[in-house]
Amino acid sequence: MINTVSLSPDVYTLLRQRALQIRSSPDALANEALRQYLSLEEQAWHQAFEKLIARVQARTAKFSSEEIEADITAASDEVRELRRVRRSTG
């Protein structure tokens, strides 16, 4: 499948010049450049997510699984009760 992307003339000139330097076509170079750029964004997101997970794990390491589960259950029960009260008074 072929798609078309519009480039400004100055960008296309730079693309064409670089493609000539590396003995590639402008299409192939643009495809590879976009593939790498999009991959970098995904890698950056993945790294940020991994850092977040590490921070959460470091902060919660002092609690047992049972304590965490109990807190989650208590919070869930509290929300259910608040919703029940809201429905009965609303």
N, C-alpha and C. Protein backbone atom coordinates (compact mmCIF):
# COMPACT_ATOMS: atom_id res chain seq x y z
N MET A 1 0.84 -1.17 0.00
CA MET A 1 0.00 0.00 0.00
C MET A 1 0.89 1.24 0.00
N ILE A 2 0.57 2.17 -0.84
CA ILE A 2 1.34 3.40 -0.95
C ILE A 2 0.48 4.55 -0.44
N ASN A 3 1.07 5.38 0.43
CA ASN A 3 0.42 6.58 0.94
C ASN A 3 1.26 7.78 0.54
N THR A 4 0.63 8.92 0.51
CA THR A 4 1.32 10.13 0.11
C THR A 4 1.41 11.08 1.30
N VAL A 5 2.59 11.66 1.48
CA VAL A 5 2.82 12.65 2.52
C VAL A 5 3.35 13.89 1.83
N SER A 6 2.82 15.04 2.18
CA SER A 6 3.28 16.30 1.59
C SER A 6 4.42 16.87 2.41
N LEU A 7 5.48 17.25 1.74
CA LEU A 7 6.63 17.88 2.39
C LEU A 7 6.83 19.26 1.79
N SER A 8 7.30 20.17 2.60
CA SER A 8 7.62 21.48 2.07
C SER A 8 8.82 21.33 1.13
N PRO A 9 8.96 22.20 0.15
CA PRO A 9 10.05 22.07 -0.81
C PRO A 9 11.44 22.05 -0.17
N ASP A 10 11.65 22.84 0.87
CA ASP A 10 12.97 22.85 1.49
C ASP A 10 13.27 21.53 2.20
N VAL A 11 12.26 20.92 2.82
CA VAL A 11 12.47 19.63 3.48
C VAL A 11 12.73 18.55 2.43
N TYR A 12 11.97 18.59 1.33
CA TYR A 12 12.19 17.58 0.29
C TYR A 12 13.59 17.72 -0.32
N THR A 13 14.05 18.96 -0.48
CA THR A 13 15.40 19.17 -1.02
C THR A 13 16.44 18.55 -0.10
N LEU A 14 16.31 18.78 1.19
CA LEU A 14 17.24 18.18 2.16
C LEU A 14 17.15 16.65 2.14
N LEU A 15 15.94 16.14 2.04
CA LEU A 15 15.73 14.69 1.99
C LEU A 15 16.39 14.10 0.74
N ARG A 16 16.18 14.74 -0.38
CA ARG A 16 16.75 14.26 -1.64
C ARG A 16 18.28 14.30 -1.59
N GLN A 17 18.84 15.41 -1.06
CA GLN A 17 20.30 15.53 -0.96
C GLN A 17 20.88 14.44 -0.06
N ARG A 18 20.25 14.21 1.08
CA ARG A 18 20.75 13.18 1.99
C ARG A 18 20.62 11.79 1.37
N ALA A 19 19.54 11.55 0.67
CA ALA A 19 19.34 10.26 0.01
C ALA A 19 20.44 10.02 -1.02
N LEU A 20 20.81 11.05 -1.75
CA LEU A 20 21.90 10.91 -2.73
C LEU A 20 23.22 10.59 -2.02
N GLN A 21 23.47 11.24 -0.89
CA GLN A 21 24.70 11.02 -0.15
C GLN A 21 24.84 9.56 0.31
N ILE A 22 23.74 8.98 0.71
CA ILE A 22 23.81 7.61 1.22
C ILE A 22 23.37 6.57 0.19
N ARG A 23 23.22 7.03 -1.05
CA ARG A 23 22.83 6.16 -2.18
C ARG A 23 21.52 5.43 -1.91
N SER A 24 20.52 6.21 -1.57
CA SER A 24 19.18 5.69 -1.30
C SER A 24 18.17 6.54 -2.04
N SER A 25 16.96 6.11 -2.07
CA SER A 25 15.91 6.93 -2.67
C SER A 25 15.30 7.81 -1.58
N PRO A 26 14.74 8.95 -1.95
CA PRO A 26 14.08 9.79 -0.96
C PRO A 26 12.95 9.04 -0.24
N ASP A 27 12.22 8.20 -0.99
CA ASP A 27 11.14 7.42 -0.37
C ASP A 27 11.67 6.48 0.70
N ALA A 28 12.72 5.74 0.37
CA ALA A 28 13.29 4.78 1.31
C ALA A 28 13.86 5.50 2.54
N LEU A 29 14.53 6.62 2.32
CA LEU A 29 15.10 7.37 3.43
C LEU A 29 14.00 7.93 4.33
N ALA A 30 12.95 8.49 3.73
CA ALA A 30 11.84 9.03 4.51
C ALA A 30 11.16 7.93 5.32
N ASN A 31 10.97 6.78 4.69
CA ASN A 31 10.34 5.65 5.37
C ASN A 31 11.18 5.22 6.58
N GLU A 32 12.49 5.08 6.38
CA GLU A 32 13.36 4.66 7.47
C GLU A 32 13.44 5.72 8.57
N ALA A 33 13.52 6.99 8.17
CA ALA A 33 13.60 8.08 9.16
C ALA A 33 12.33 8.12 10.02
N LEU A 34 11.18 7.98 9.39
CA LEU A 34 9.93 7.98 10.15
C LEU A 34 9.83 6.75 11.05
N ARG A 35 10.25 5.62 10.54
CA ARG A 35 10.23 4.39 11.34
C ARG A 35 11.10 4.55 12.59
N GLN A 36 12.29 5.11 12.43
CA GLN A 36 13.18 5.32 13.57
C GLN A 36 12.60 6.35 14.55
N TYR A 37 12.06 7.43 14.01
CA TYR A 37 11.48 8.47 14.86
C TYR A 37 10.34 7.92 15.70
N LEU A 38 9.45 7.19 15.06
CA LEU A 38 8.31 6.63 15.78
C LEU A 38 8.74 5.58 16.80
N SER A 39 9.78 4.86 16.49
CA SER A 39 10.32 3.88 17.42
C SER A 39 10.91 4.57 18.64
N LEU A 40 11.58 5.71 18.43
CA LEU A 40 12.16 6.46 19.55
C LEU A 40 11.08 6.95 20.50
N GLU A 41 9.96 7.42 19.95
CA GLU A 41 8.87 7.87 20.79
C GLU A 41 8.34 6.71 21.63
N GLU A 42 8.20 5.55 21.01
CA GLU A 42 7.71 4.38 21.74
C GLU A 42 8.71 3.97 22.81
N GLN A 43 9.99 4.00 22.49
CA GLN A 43 11.02 3.65 23.46
C GLN A 43 11.01 4.63 24.63
N ALA A 44 10.84 5.92 24.34
CA ALA A 44 10.81 6.93 25.40
C ALA A 44 9.62 6.69 26.32
N TRP A 45 8.46 6.38 25.73
CA TRP A 45 7.28 6.09 26.54
C TRP A 45 7.52 4.86 27.40
N HIS A 46 8.10 3.85 26.81
CA HIS A 46 8.36 2.61 27.54
C HIS A 46 9.33 2.85 28.71
N GLN A 47 10.37 3.64 28.48
CA GLN A 47 11.32 3.94 29.55
C GLN A 47 10.66 4.74 30.67
N ALA A 48 9.82 5.69 30.31
CA ALA A 48 9.12 6.49 31.32
C ALA A 48 8.19 5.60 32.14
N PHE A 49 7.52 4.67 31.47
CA PHE A 49 6.62 3.76 32.16
C PHE A 49 7.40 2.84 33.10
N GLU A 50 8.54 2.34 32.65
CA GLU A 50 9.37 1.49 33.50
C GLU A 50 9.86 2.25 34.73
N LYS A 51 10.22 3.52 34.58
CA LYS A 51 10.64 4.33 35.72
C LYS A 51 9.50 4.51 36.71
N LEU A 52 8.30 4.74 36.19
CA LEU A 52 7.14 4.90 37.05
C LEU A 52 6.88 3.62 37.83
N ILE A 53 6.92 2.49 37.15
CA ILE A 53 6.72 1.20 37.83
C ILE A 53 7.77 1.00 38.92
N ALA A 54 9.02 1.32 38.62
CA ALA A 54 10.10 1.16 39.61
C ALA A 54 9.85 2.05 40.83
N ARG A 55 9.39 3.30 40.59
CA ARG A 55 9.11 4.20 41.71
C ARG A 55 7.98 3.67 42.57
N VAL A 56 6.93 3.18 41.92
CA VAL A 56 5.79 2.64 42.67
C VAL A 56 6.23 1.42 43.47
N GLN A 57 6.99 0.54 42.85
CA GLN A 57 7.45 -0.65 43.56
C GLN A 57 8.37 -0.29 44.72
N ALA A 58 9.22 0.69 44.54
CA ALA A 58 10.12 1.11 45.62
C ALA A 58 9.33 1.69 46.79
N ARG A 59 8.29 2.45 46.49
CA ARG A 59 7.50 3.07 47.55
C ARG A 59 6.59 2.08 48.25
N THR A 60 6.22 1.01 47.57
CA THR A 60 5.30 0.05 48.17
C THR A 60 5.99 -1.20 48.69
N ALA A 61 7.31 -1.28 48.54
CA ALA A 61 8.04 -2.48 48.96
C ALA A 61 7.91 -2.75 50.45
N LYS A 62 7.69 -1.70 51.23
CA LYS A 62 7.61 -1.88 52.68
C LYS A 62 6.27 -2.47 53.14
N PHE A 63 5.31 -2.59 52.21
CA PHE A 63 4.01 -3.13 52.55
C PHE A 63 3.87 -4.55 52.00
N SER A 64 3.21 -5.40 52.74
CA SER A 64 2.98 -6.76 52.26
C SER A 64 1.83 -6.76 51.25
N SER A 65 1.74 -7.82 50.50
CA SER A 65 0.65 -7.96 49.54
C SER A 65 -0.70 -7.93 50.26
N GLU A 66 -0.74 -8.52 51.42
CA GLU A 66 -1.99 -8.55 52.20
C GLU A 66 -2.42 -7.15 52.62
N GLU A 67 -1.43 -6.32 53.04
CA GLU A 67 -1.75 -4.94 53.44
C GLU A 67 -2.27 -4.14 52.25
N ILE A 68 -1.63 -4.31 51.12
CA ILE A 68 -2.06 -3.58 49.92
C ILE A 68 -3.45 -4.03 49.52
N GLU A 69 -3.69 -5.32 49.51
CA GLU A 69 -5.00 -5.85 49.15
C GLU A 69 -6.07 -5.36 50.11
N ALA A 70 -5.76 -5.31 51.40
CA ALA A 70 -6.71 -4.81 52.40
C ALA A 70 -7.04 -3.34 52.15
N ASP A 71 -6.05 -2.54 51.84
CA ASP A 71 -6.29 -1.12 51.53
C ASP A 71 -7.17 -0.96 50.30
N ILE A 72 -6.89 -1.74 49.28
CA ILE A 72 -7.69 -1.67 48.05
C ILE A 72 -9.14 -2.08 48.33
N THR A 73 -9.30 -3.15 49.08
CA THR A 73 -10.64 -3.62 49.42
C THR A 73 -11.39 -2.57 50.24
N ALA A 74 -10.72 -1.97 51.22
CA ALA A 74 -11.35 -0.94 52.05
C ALA A 74 -11.76 0.27 51.20
N ALA A 75 -10.89 0.69 50.29
CA ALA A 75 -11.21 1.83 49.43
C ALA A 75 -12.39 1.51 48.53
N SER A 76 -12.41 0.30 47.99
CA SER A 76 -13.51 -0.13 47.13
C SER A 76 -14.83 -0.16 47.90
N ASP A 77 -14.78 -0.70 49.11
CA ASP A 77 -15.98 -0.74 49.95
C ASP A 77 -16.48 0.67 50.28
N GLU A 78 -15.55 1.57 50.54
CA GLU A 78 -15.90 2.95 50.86
C GLU A 78 -16.60 3.62 49.67
N VAL A 79 -16.08 3.42 48.48
CA VAL A 79 -16.68 4.01 47.28
C VAL A 79 -18.07 3.42 47.05
N ARG A 80 -18.21 2.13 47.20
CA ARG A 80 -19.52 1.50 47.04
C ARG A 80 -20.54 2.07 48.02
N GLU A 81 -20.11 2.24 49.25
CA GLU A 81 -21.01 2.79 50.27
C GLU A 81 -21.40 4.23 49.94
N LEU A 82 -20.44 5.04 49.51
CA LEU A 82 -20.74 6.43 49.12
C LEU A 82 -21.73 6.47 47.96
N ARG A 83 -21.54 5.60 46.98
CA ARG A 83 -22.47 5.54 45.84
C ARG A 83 -23.87 5.09 46.28
N ARG A 84 -23.91 4.12 47.20
CA ARG A 84 -25.19 3.63 47.70
C ARG A 84 -25.93 4.75 48.42
N VAL A 85 -25.21 5.49 49.25
CA VAL A 85 -25.82 6.60 49.99
C VAL A 85 -26.31 7.67 49.03
N ARG A 86 -25.50 7.99 48.02
CA ARG A 86 -25.87 9.00 47.03
C ARG A 86 -27.14 8.60 46.28
N ARG A 87 -27.25 7.33 45.93
CA ARG A 87 -28.44 6.86 45.20
C ARG A 87 -29.68 6.90 46.07
N SER A 88 -29.51 6.58 47.36
CA SER A 88 -30.68 6.53 48.24
C SER A 88 -31.16 7.92 48.64
N THR A 89 -30.26 8.92 48.62
CA THR A 89 -30.67 10.29 49.00
C THR A 89 -30.96 11.14 47.78
N GLY A 90 -30.59 10.69 46.60
CA GLY A 90 -30.73 11.48 45.38
C GLY A 90 -32.02 11.33 44.76
